[in-house]
Amino acid sequence: MDLTQVSEWENGKVRRKEDYLAAEEPLEIRIGEEPLSVTMRTPGHDVELAAGFLFTEGLINKREQIVSLEDDLPGENRGNLVRAELATDAVPDMEKLRRNFFAASSCGICGKASIDSVRARTLSPPNPDFRLGAEVLLRLPDALRASQAVFGRTGGLHAAALFDAAGELLVLREDIGRHNAVDKVIGWALLEGRLPLSHAILLVSGRGGFEIIQKAIVAGLPIVASVSAPSGLAVQLAREMQLTLIGFLRERRFVIYAGDERITSAGVQ
């Protein structure tokens, strides 16, 4: 976090005070010496972020394909660089990879093309037998907020958290970018040998967008919940891939957009 001086206006009175800001710095991910991607993120858990990114973007399929992940390397990008060494069978064609990343960013996640790219990865639908009680689901936002250390001070970070079927928190990560927070928790699970996450729930602050649903499916998550609305493309992907998608999870209410069979005692008619 960064500390700064601000002027606060309240009821016609102005006072000077110190305020906390969420840190935001670029992180470069390299494969060997080849630059792969640069993302703006909140520093912290950078190795998990890189591992999650490599996995959810399909560069690796398992933990064993990562030979090493190094951060805080000396040089001009010190503290903002993670270098990955991958097994021979996982080293990609970097020129083709960069073209694909450029095309995806240029179209701003094109709807049909994005769905087609997920289909092309032949991912399996998540655990069809997983069930979660509605009352457990309702407790998760409070557990998320109680564990958000930085958000309470800055109000500027997104959170992603994994819970088990009993509502116990497994891991929580925060970041200026919601998709980065998701990559951090999935990267944690990958490095801890917990994938696929076939008996876990992902809860994200804010809305549930397409990219988050795509990452959740790659990680084998059966349920994704958010405190706000999902996007139309996210709902379409969740329904096609048979993932349970929850939105507007607040207080005593939630909306099931896909996969309502996994939520028990939900009163679905």
C-alpha atoms as a PDB file:
ATOM      1  CA  MET A   1       0.000   0.000   0.000  1.00  0.00           C
ATOM      2  CA  ASP A   2       1.048   3.606  -0.601  1.00  0.00           C
ATOM      3  CA  LEU A   3       0.432   6.409   1.896  1.00  0.00           C
ATOM      4  CA  THR A   4      -0.390   9.899   0.612  1.00  0.00           C
ATOM      5  CA  GLN A   5      -1.683  13.283   1.766  1.00  0.00           C
ATOM      6  CA  VAL A   6      -5.212  14.200   0.628  1.00  0.00           C
ATOM      7  CA  SER A   7      -7.850  16.846   1.298  1.00  0.00           C
ATOM      8  CA  GLU A   8     -11.162  15.455   2.557  1.00  0.00           C
ATOM      9  CA  TRP A   9     -14.345  17.480   2.023  1.00  0.00           C
ATOM     10  CA  GLU A  10     -17.256  16.664   4.356  1.00  0.00           C
ATOM     11  CA  ASN A  11     -20.319  18.807   5.098  1.00  0.00           C
ATOM     12  CA  GLY A  12     -18.631  21.952   3.845  1.00  0.00           C
ATOM     13  CA  LYS A  13     -15.447  21.428   5.856  1.00  0.00           C
ATOM     14  CA  VAL A  14     -12.065  20.530   4.441  1.00  0.00           C
ATOM     15  CA  ARG A  15      -9.304  18.814   6.360  1.00  0.00           C
ATOM     16  CA  ARG A  16      -5.919  17.404   5.460  1.00  0.00           C
ATOM     17  CA  LYS A  17      -5.337  13.733   6.235  1.00  0.00           C
ATOM     18  CA  GLU A  18      -3.287  10.729   5.267  1.00  0.00           C
ATOM     19  CA  ASP A  19      -4.910   8.129   3.053  1.00  0.00           C
ATOM     20  CA  TYR A  20      -3.880   4.704   1.805  1.00  0.00           C
ATOM     21  CA  LEU A  21      -3.745   3.893  -1.906  1.00  0.00           C
ATOM     22  CA  ALA A  22      -3.688   0.469  -3.498  1.00  0.00           C
ATOM     23  CA  ALA A  23      -0.303  -0.142  -5.112  1.00  0.00           C
ATOM     24  CA  GLU A  24      -0.254  -0.761  -8.864  1.00  0.00           C
ATOM     25  CA  GLU A  25       2.897  -1.739 -10.751  1.00  0.00           C
ATOM     26  CA  PRO A  26       3.646  -3.638 -13.969  1.00  0.00           C
ATOM     27  CA  LEU A  27       4.659  -7.283 -13.732  1.00  0.00           C
ATOM     28  CA  GLU A  28       6.526  -8.805 -16.661  1.00  0.00           C
ATOM     29  CA  ILE A  29       6.286 -12.572 -17.120  1.00  0.00           C
ATOM     30  CA  ARG A  30       9.034 -14.192 -19.151  1.00  0.00           C
ATOM     31  CA  ILE A  31       9.569 -17.712 -20.398  1.00  0.00           C
ATOM     32  CA  GLY A  32      13.312 -18.073 -20.185  1.00  0.00           C
ATOM     33  CA  GLU A  33      14.576 -14.780 -21.555  1.00  0.00           C
ATOM     34  CA  GLU A  34      11.570 -14.280 -23.860  1.00  0.00           C
ATOM     35  CA  PRO A  35       8.979 -11.687 -22.737  1.00  0.00           C
ATOM     36  CA  LEU A  36       5.494 -13.195 -22.630  1.00  0.00           C
ATOM     37  CA  SER A  37       3.155 -10.694 -20.994  1.00  0.00           C
ATOM     38  CA  VAL A  38       3.019  -7.525 -18.914  1.00  0.00           C
ATOM     39  CA  THR A  39       0.119  -7.015 -16.534  1.00  0.00           C
ATOM     40  CA  MET A  40      -0.669  -4.196 -14.128  1.00  0.00           C
ATOM     41  CA  ARG A  41      -1.042  -5.749 -10.700  1.00  0.00           C
ATOM     42  CA  THR A  42      -0.784  -5.154  -6.966  1.00  0.00           C
ATOM     43  CA  PRO A  43       2.646  -6.437  -5.876  1.00  0.00           C
ATOM     44  CA  GLY A  44       2.556  -9.576  -3.774  1.00  0.00           C
ATOM     45  CA  HIS A  45       2.218 -13.298  -4.516  1.00  0.00           C
ATOM     46  CA  ASP A  46       3.773 -12.662  -7.935  1.00  0.00           C
ATOM     47  CA  VAL A  47       4.960 -16.257  -8.366  1.00  0.00           C
ATOM     48  CA  GLU A  48       1.397 -17.471  -7.766  1.00  0.00           C
ATOM     49  CA  LEU A  49       0.118 -14.916 -10.275  1.00  0.00           C
ATOM     50  CA  ALA A  50       2.586 -16.089 -12.915  1.00  0.00           C
ATOM     51  CA  ALA A  51       1.824 -19.761 -12.237  1.00  0.00           C
ATOM     52  CA  GLY A  52      -1.918 -19.147 -12.430  1.00  0.00           C
ATOM     53  CA  PHE A  53      -1.541 -17.141 -15.635  1.00  0.00           C
ATOM     54  CA  LEU A  54       0.539 -19.844 -17.322  1.00  0.00           C
ATOM     55  CA  PHE A  55      -2.006 -22.487 -16.332  1.00  0.00           C
ATOM     56  CA  THR A  56      -5.262 -20.665 -17.066  1.00  0.00           C
ATOM     57  CA  GLU A  57      -3.968 -19.383 -20.411  1.00  0.00           C
ATOM     58  CA  GLY A  58      -3.113 -22.939 -21.440  1.00  0.00           C
ATOM     59  CA  LEU A  59       0.676 -22.655 -21.641  1.00  0.00           C
ATOM     60  CA  ILE A  60       1.012 -25.482 -19.139  1.00  0.00           C
ATOM     61  CA  ASN A  61      -1.350 -28.297 -18.195  1.00  0.00           C
ATOM     62  CA  LYS A  62       0.201 -29.463 -14.916  1.00  0.00           C
ATOM     63  CA  ARG A  63       2.534 -28.385 -12.141  1.00  0.00           C
ATOM     64  CA  GLU A  64       5.309 -30.697 -13.332  1.00  0.00           C
ATOM     65  CA  GLN A  65       5.762 -28.646 -16.514  1.00  0.00           C
ATOM     66  CA  ILE A  66       7.140 -25.763 -14.440  1.00  0.00           C
ATOM     67  CA  VAL A  67      10.858 -26.320 -13.912  1.00  0.00           C
ATOM     68  CA  SER A  68      11.285 -23.096 -11.947  1.00  0.00           C
ATOM     69  CA  LEU A  69       9.650 -19.742 -11.208  1.00  0.00           C
ATOM     70  CA  GLU A  70      11.932 -16.921 -10.063  1.00  0.00           C
ATOM     71  CA  ASP A  71      10.962 -13.435  -8.910  1.00  0.00           C
ATOM     72  CA  ASP A  72      12.818 -10.435  -7.484  1.00  0.00           C
ATOM     73  CA  LEU A  73      15.512 -10.917 -10.123  1.00  0.00           C
ATOM     74  CA  PRO A  74      18.306  -8.324 -10.344  1.00  0.00           C
ATOM     75  CA  GLY A  75      18.168  -5.674 -13.048  1.00  0.00           C
ATOM     76  CA  GLU A  76      15.990  -2.778 -14.113  1.00  0.00           C
ATOM     77  CA  ASN A  77      12.768  -4.714 -13.516  1.00  0.00           C
ATOM     78  CA  ARG A  78      13.783  -5.853 -10.035  1.00  0.00           C
ATOM     79  CA  GLY A  79      10.654  -6.719  -8.047  1.00  0.00           C
ATOM     80  CA  ASN A  80       8.488  -6.558 -11.176  1.00  0.00           C
ATOM     81  CA  LEU A  81       9.640  -9.615 -13.089  1.00  0.00           C
ATOM     82  CA  VAL A  82       8.930 -13.340 -12.890  1.00  0.00           C
ATOM     83  CA  ARG A  83      10.936 -15.722 -15.057  1.00  0.00           C
ATOM     84  CA  ALA A  84       9.525 -19.157 -15.788  1.00  0.00           C
ATOM     85  CA  GLU A  85      11.559 -22.102 -16.980  1.00  0.00           C
ATOM     86  CA  LEU A  86       9.297 -24.724 -18.532  1.00  0.00           C
ATOM     87  CA  ALA A  87       9.763 -28.372 -19.394  1.00  0.00           C
ATOM     88  CA  THR A  88      10.702 -29.051 -23.007  1.00  0.00           C
ATOM     89  CA  ASP A  89       7.230 -30.335 -23.892  1.00  0.00           C
ATOM     90  CA  ALA A  90       5.655 -27.092 -22.640  1.00  0.00           C
ATOM     91  CA  VAL A  91       7.910 -24.468 -24.251  1.00  0.00           C
ATOM     92  CA  PRO A  92       5.644 -22.628 -26.715  1.00  0.00           C
ATOM     93  CA  ASP A  93       6.253 -21.056 -30.100  1.00  0.00           C
ATOM     94  CA  MET A  94       6.788 -17.549 -28.721  1.00  0.00           C
ATOM     95  CA  GLU A  95       6.110 -15.692 -31.970  1.00  0.00           C
ATOM     96  CA  LYS A  96       2.802 -17.495 -32.514  1.00  0.00           C
ATOM     97  CA  LEU A  97       1.923 -16.993 -28.862  1.00  0.00           C
ATOM     98  CA  ARG A  98       2.545 -13.245 -29.010  1.00  0.00           C
ATOM     99  CA  ARG A  99       0.355 -12.980 -32.121  1.00  0.00           C
ATOM    100  CA  ASN A 100      -2.474 -14.794 -30.323  1.00  0.00           C
ATOM    101  CA  PHE A 101      -2.199 -12.552 -27.264  1.00  0.00           C
ATOM    102  CA  PHE A 102      -2.227  -9.470 -29.493  1.00  0.00           C
ATOM    103  CA  ALA A 103      -5.292 -10.669 -31.404  1.00  0.00           C
ATOM    104  CA  ALA A 104      -7.172 -11.379 -28.168  1.00  0.00           C
ATOM    105  CA  SER A 105      -6.343  -7.976 -26.680  1.00  0.00           C
ATOM    106  CA  SER A 106      -7.163  -6.178 -29.921  1.00  0.00           C
ATOM    107  CA  CYS A 107     -10.667  -7.604 -30.153  1.00  0.00           C
ATOM    108  CA  GLY A 108     -11.322  -6.930 -26.477  1.00  0.00           C
ATOM    109  CA  ILE A 109     -12.395 -10.548 -25.831  1.00  0.00           C
ATOM    110  CA  CYS A 110     -14.564 -11.071 -28.892  1.00  0.00           C
ATOM    111  CA  GLY A 111     -17.652 -13.054 -27.967  1.00  0.00           C
ATOM    112  CA  LYS A 112     -17.847 -15.905 -30.476  1.00  0.00           C
ATOM    113  CA  ALA A 113     -14.082 -16.155 -30.870  1.00  0.00           C
ATOM    114  CA  SER A 114     -13.642 -16.400 -27.104  1.00  0.00           C
ATOM    115  CA  ILE A 115     -16.214 -19.163 -26.704  1.00  0.00           C
ATOM    116  CA  ASP A 116     -14.645 -21.017 -29.626  1.00  0.00           C
ATOM    117  CA  SER A 117     -11.192 -20.765 -28.058  1.00  0.00           C
ATOM    118  CA  VAL A 118     -12.507 -22.404 -24.867  1.00  0.00           C
ATOM    119  CA  ARG A 119     -14.160 -25.185 -26.884  1.00  0.00           C
ATOM    120  CA  ALA A 120     -10.889 -25.774 -28.726  1.00  0.00           C
ATOM    121  CA  ARG A 121      -9.152 -26.571 -25.441  1.00  0.00           C
ATOM    122  CA  THR A 122     -11.500 -29.579 -24.943  1.00  0.00           C
ATOM    123  CA  LEU A 123     -11.929 -28.838 -21.241  1.00  0.00           C
ATOM    124  CA  SER A 124     -14.063 -31.168 -19.171  1.00  0.00           C
ATOM    125  CA  PRO A 125     -17.199 -29.892 -17.385  1.00  0.00           C
ATOM    126  CA  PRO A 126     -16.598 -29.433 -13.638  1.00  0.00           C
ATOM    127  CA  ASN A 127     -17.585 -32.002 -10.992  1.00  0.00           C
ATOM    128  CA  PRO A 128     -21.308 -32.768 -11.584  1.00  0.00           C
ATOM    129  CA  ASP A 129     -21.747 -34.328  -8.132  1.00  0.00           C
ATOM    130  CA  PHE A 130     -20.595 -31.362  -6.046  1.00  0.00           C
ATOM    131  CA  ARG A 131     -23.323 -29.785  -3.905  1.00  0.00           C
ATOM    132  CA  LEU A 132     -23.347 -26.649  -1.758  1.00  0.00           C
ATOM    133  CA  GLY A 133     -25.959 -25.683   0.811  1.00  0.00           C
ATOM    134  CA  ALA A 134     -27.633 -22.327   0.248  1.00  0.00           C
ATOM    135  CA  GLU A 135     -26.982 -21.281   3.845  1.00  0.00           C
ATOM    136  CA  VAL A 136     -23.268 -21.974   3.420  1.00  0.00           C
ATOM    137  CA  LEU A 137     -23.234 -19.888   0.247  1.00  0.00           C
ATOM    138  CA  LEU A 138     -24.878 -16.963   2.046  1.00  0.00           C
ATOM    139  CA  ARG A 139     -22.080 -16.896   4.651  1.00  0.00           C
ATOM    140  CA  LEU A 140     -19.263 -16.550   2.138  1.00  0.00           C
ATOM    141  CA  PRO A 141     -19.361 -12.767   1.471  1.00  0.00           C
ATOM    142  CA  ASP A 142     -18.962 -11.998   5.179  1.00  0.00           C
ATOM    143  CA  ALA A 143     -16.021 -14.388   5.366  1.00  0.00           C
ATOM    144  CA  LEU A 144     -14.501 -12.708   2.301  1.00  0.00           C
ATOM    145  CA  ARG A 145     -14.831  -9.196   3.732  1.00  0.00           C
ATOM    146  CA  ALA A 146     -13.476 -10.251   7.114  1.00  0.00           C
ATOM    147  CA  SER A 147     -10.315 -11.545   5.456  1.00  0.00           C
ATOM    148  CA  GLN A 148      -9.707  -8.600   3.099  1.00  0.00           C
ATOM    149  CA  ALA A 149      -6.892  -6.882   4.950  1.00  0.00           C
ATOM    150  CA  VAL A 150      -5.952  -4.280   2.339  1.00  0.00           C
ATOM    151  CA  PHE A 151      -9.404  -3.434   1.013  1.00  0.00           C
ATOM    152  CA  GLY A 152     -10.480  -2.186   4.427  1.00  0.00           C
ATOM    153  CA  ARG A 153      -7.822   0.516   4.253  1.00  0.00           C
ATOM    154  CA  THR A 154      -7.820   1.406   0.563  1.00  0.00           C
ATOM    155  CA  GLY A 155     -11.244   0.406  -0.778  1.00  0.00           C
ATOM    156  CA  GLY A 156      -9.446  -0.113  -4.082  1.00  0.00           C
ATOM    157  CA  LEU A 157      -8.726  -3.804  -4.429  1.00  0.00           C
ATOM    158  CA  HIS A 158     -10.622  -6.786  -5.739  1.00  0.00           C
ATOM    159  CA  ALA A 159     -10.552 -10.108  -3.930  1.00  0.00           C
ATOM    160  CA  ALA A 160     -10.814 -13.730  -4.997  1.00  0.00           C
ATOM    161  CA  ALA A 161     -11.198 -16.532  -2.478  1.00  0.00           C
ATOM    162  CA  LEU A 162     -11.535 -20.305  -2.477  1.00  0.00           C
ATOM    163  CA  PHE A 163     -13.862 -22.025   0.009  1.00  0.00           C
ATOM    164  CA  ASP A 164     -14.643 -25.666   0.659  1.00  0.00           C
ATOM    165  CA  ALA A 165     -18.144 -27.179   0.845  1.00  0.00           C
ATOM    166  CA  ALA A 166     -18.375 -26.353   4.559  1.00  0.00           C
ATOM    167  CA  GLY A 167     -17.676 -22.665   3.881  1.00  0.00           C
ATOM    168  CA  GLU A 168     -14.125 -22.789   5.271  1.00  0.00           C
ATOM    169  CA  LEU A 169     -11.726 -20.323   3.652  1.00  0.00           C
ATOM    170  CA  LEU A 170      -8.879 -22.061   1.815  1.00  0.00           C
ATOM    171  CA  VAL A 171      -7.079 -19.032   0.406  1.00  0.00           C
ATOM    172  CA  LEU A 172      -7.751 -15.369  -0.395  1.00  0.00           C
ATOM    173  CA  ARG A 173      -5.791 -13.027  -2.627  1.00  0.00           C
ATOM    174  CA  GLU A 174      -6.283  -9.348  -3.452  1.00  0.00           C
ATOM    175  CA  ASP A 175      -5.263  -7.361  -6.505  1.00  0.00           C
ATOM    176  CA  ILE A 176      -6.077  -4.172  -8.388  1.00  0.00           C
ATOM    177  CA  GLY A 177      -7.251  -6.476 -11.194  1.00  0.00           C
ATOM    178  CA  ARG A 178      -9.989  -9.025 -10.525  1.00  0.00           C
ATOM    179  CA  HIS A 179      -8.553 -11.499 -13.045  1.00  0.00           C
ATOM    180  CA  ASN A 180      -5.136 -11.183 -11.380  1.00  0.00           C
ATOM    181  CA  ALA A 181      -6.648 -12.065  -7.997  1.00  0.00           C
ATOM    182  CA  VAL A 182      -8.193 -15.161  -9.605  1.00  0.00           C
ATOM    183  CA  ASP A 183      -4.880 -16.145 -11.190  1.00  0.00           C
ATOM    184  CA  LYS A 184      -3.212 -15.790  -7.776  1.00  0.00           C
ATOM    185  CA  VAL A 185      -5.599 -18.208  -6.046  1.00  0.00           C
ATOM    186  CA  ILE A 186      -5.451 -20.684  -8.935  1.00  0.00           C
ATOM    187  CA  GLY A 187      -1.664 -20.343  -8.996  1.00  0.00           C
ATOM    188  CA  TRP A 188      -1.629 -21.081  -5.256  1.00  0.00           C
ATOM    189  CA  ALA A 189      -3.700 -24.214  -5.856  1.00  0.00           C
ATOM    190  CA  LEU A 190      -1.436 -25.309  -8.711  1.00  0.00           C
ATOM    191  CA  LEU A 191       1.757 -24.903  -6.681  1.00  0.00           C
ATOM    192  CA  GLU A 192       0.153 -26.630  -3.674  1.00  0.00           C
ATOM    193  CA  GLY A 193      -0.877 -29.640  -5.776  1.00  0.00           C
ATOM    194  CA  ARG A 194      -4.610 -29.016  -5.244  1.00  0.00           C
ATOM    195  CA  LEU A 195      -5.794 -28.983  -8.856  1.00  0.00           C
ATOM    196  CA  PRO A 196      -8.366 -29.713 -10.097  1.00  0.00           C
ATOM    197  CA  LEU A 197     -10.463 -27.715  -7.625  1.00  0.00           C
ATOM    198  CA  SER A 198     -13.404 -30.062  -8.042  1.00  0.00           C
ATOM    199  CA  HIS A 199     -14.657 -29.620  -4.455  1.00  0.00           C
ATOM    200  CA  ALA A 200     -14.233 -25.865  -4.028  1.00  0.00           C
ATOM    201  CA  ILE A 201     -16.079 -22.605  -4.620  1.00  0.00           C
ATOM    202  CA  LEU A 202     -14.593 -19.443  -6.087  1.00  0.00           C
ATOM    203  CA  LEU A 203     -15.969 -16.156  -4.745  1.00  0.00           C
ATOM    204  CA  VAL A 204     -14.983 -12.861  -6.387  1.00  0.00           C
ATOM    205  CA  SER A 205     -15.698  -9.293  -5.432  1.00  0.00           C
ATOM    206  CA  GLY A 206     -17.413  -7.250  -8.110  1.00  0.00           C
ATOM    207  CA  ARG A 207     -18.856  -8.892 -11.189  1.00  0.00           C
ATOM    208  CA  GLY A 208     -18.246 -12.291 -12.729  1.00  0.00           C
ATOM    209  CA  GLY A 209     -16.868 -11.701 -16.203  1.00  0.00           C
ATOM    210  CA  PHE A 210     -16.088 -14.098 -19.043  1.00  0.00           C
ATOM    211  CA  GLU A 211     -12.373 -14.262 -18.283  1.00  0.00           C
ATOM    212  CA  ILE A 212     -13.014 -15.311 -14.686  1.00  0.00           C
ATOM    213  CA  ILE A 213     -15.398 -18.082 -15.758  1.00  0.00           C
ATOM    214  CA  GLN A 214     -12.872 -19.309 -18.313  1.00  0.00           C
ATOM    215  CA  LYS A 215     -10.133 -19.480 -15.669  1.00  0.00           C
ATOM    216  CA  ALA A 216     -12.475 -21.238 -13.225  1.00  0.00           C
ATOM    217  CA  ILE A 217     -13.339 -23.915 -15.778  1.00  0.00           C
ATOM    218  CA  VAL A 218      -9.657 -24.561 -16.512  1.00  0.00           C
ATOM    219  CA  ALA A 219      -9.079 -25.010 -12.752  1.00  0.00           C
ATOM    220  CA  GLY A 220     -12.001 -27.461 -12.478  1.00  0.00           C
ATOM    221  CA  LEU A 221     -14.117 -25.271 -10.192  1.00  0.00           C
ATOM    222  CA  PRO A 222     -17.791 -26.338 -10.081  1.00  0.00           C
ATOM    223  CA  ILE A 223     -19.165 -23.085  -8.597  1.00  0.00           C
ATOM    224  CA  VAL A 224     -18.302 -19.419  -9.123  1.00  0.00           C
ATOM    225  CA  ALA A 225     -20.094 -16.730  -7.127  1.00  0.00           C
ATOM    226  CA  SER A 226     -19.842 -12.957  -7.264  1.00  0.00           C
ATOM    227  CA  VAL A 227     -21.379 -10.142  -5.286  1.00  0.00           C
ATOM    228  CA  SER A 228     -22.430  -8.346  -8.463  1.00  0.00           C
ATOM    229  CA  ALA A 229     -23.795  -9.236 -11.898  1.00  0.00           C
ATOM    230  CA  PRO A 230     -22.111 -11.587 -14.381  1.00  0.00           C
ATOM    231  CA  SER A 231     -21.736 -10.620 -18.022  1.00  0.00           C
ATOM    232  CA  GLY A 232     -23.883 -12.160 -20.745  1.00  0.00           C
ATOM    233  CA  LEU A 233     -20.893 -13.948 -22.234  1.00  0.00           C
ATOM    234  CA  ALA A 234     -19.965 -15.346 -18.816  1.00  0.00           C
ATOM    235  CA  VAL A 235     -23.465 -16.794 -18.428  1.00  0.00           C
ATOM    236  CA  GLN A 236     -23.343 -18.300 -21.911  1.00  0.00           C
ATOM    237  CA  LEU A 237     -20.003 -19.976 -21.197  1.00  0.00           C
ATOM    238  CA  ALA A 238     -21.102 -21.222 -17.753  1.00  0.00           C
ATOM    239  CA  ARG A 239     -24.232 -22.818 -19.202  1.00  0.00           C
ATOM    240  CA  GLU A 240     -22.348 -24.449 -22.067  1.00  0.00           C
ATOM    241  CA  MET A 241     -19.639 -25.818 -19.755  1.00  0.00           C
ATOM    242  CA  GLN A 242     -22.115 -26.825 -17.016  1.00  0.00           C
ATOM    243  CA  LEU A 243     -20.589 -24.596 -14.344  1.00  0.00           C
ATOM    244  CA  THR A 244     -22.759 -23.164 -11.569  1.00  0.00           C
ATOM    245  CA  LEU A 245     -22.710 -19.366 -11.742  1.00  0.00           C
ATOM    246  CA  ILE A 246     -24.071 -17.202  -8.912  1.00  0.00           C
ATOM    247  CA  GLY A 247     -24.527 -13.438  -9.010  1.00  0.00           C
ATOM    248  CA  PHE A 248     -25.767 -10.734  -6.633  1.00  0.00           C
ATOM    249  CA  LEU A 249     -24.682 -12.749  -3.599  1.00  0.00           C
ATOM    250  CA  ARG A 250     -25.599 -10.233  -0.903  1.00  0.00           C
ATOM    251  CA  GLU A 251     -27.171 -10.568   2.519  1.00  0.00           C
ATOM    252  CA  ARG A 252     -30.028 -13.113   2.166  1.00  0.00           C
ATOM    253  CA  ARG A 253     -30.268 -13.134  -1.626  1.00  0.00           C
ATOM    254  CA  PHE A 254     -28.513 -14.562  -4.675  1.00  0.00           C
ATOM    255  CA  VAL A 255     -29.339 -15.252  -8.321  1.00  0.00           C
ATOM    256  CA  ILE A 256     -28.445 -18.554 -10.022  1.00  0.00           C
ATOM    257  CA  TYR A 257     -27.612 -17.978 -13.687  1.00  0.00           C
ATOM    258  CA  ALA A 258     -26.437 -21.518 -14.495  1.00  0.00           C
ATOM    259  CA  GLY A 259     -26.208 -24.914 -12.822  1.00  0.00           C
ATOM    260  CA  ASP A 260     -28.869 -24.530 -10.112  1.00  0.00           C
ATOM    261  CA  GLU A 261     -28.759 -28.283  -9.412  1.00  0.00           C
ATOM    262  CA  ARG A 262     -25.565 -27.820  -7.349  1.00  0.00           C
ATOM    263  CA  ILE A 263     -27.240 -25.470  -4.842  1.00  0.00           C
ATOM    264  CA  THR A 264     -29.289 -27.397  -2.287  1.00  0.00           C
ATOM    265  CA  SER A 265     -32.251 -26.012  -0.311  1.00  0.00           C
ATOM    266  CA  ALA A 266     -32.252 -22.984  -2.595  1.00  0.00           C
ATOM    267  CA  GLY A 267     -36.015 -23.032  -3.071  1.00  0.00           C
ATOM    268  CA  VAL A 268     -35.720 -23.144  -6.855  1.00  0.00           C
ATOM    269  CA  GLN A 269     -39.135 -23.783  -8.400  1.00  0.00           C
END
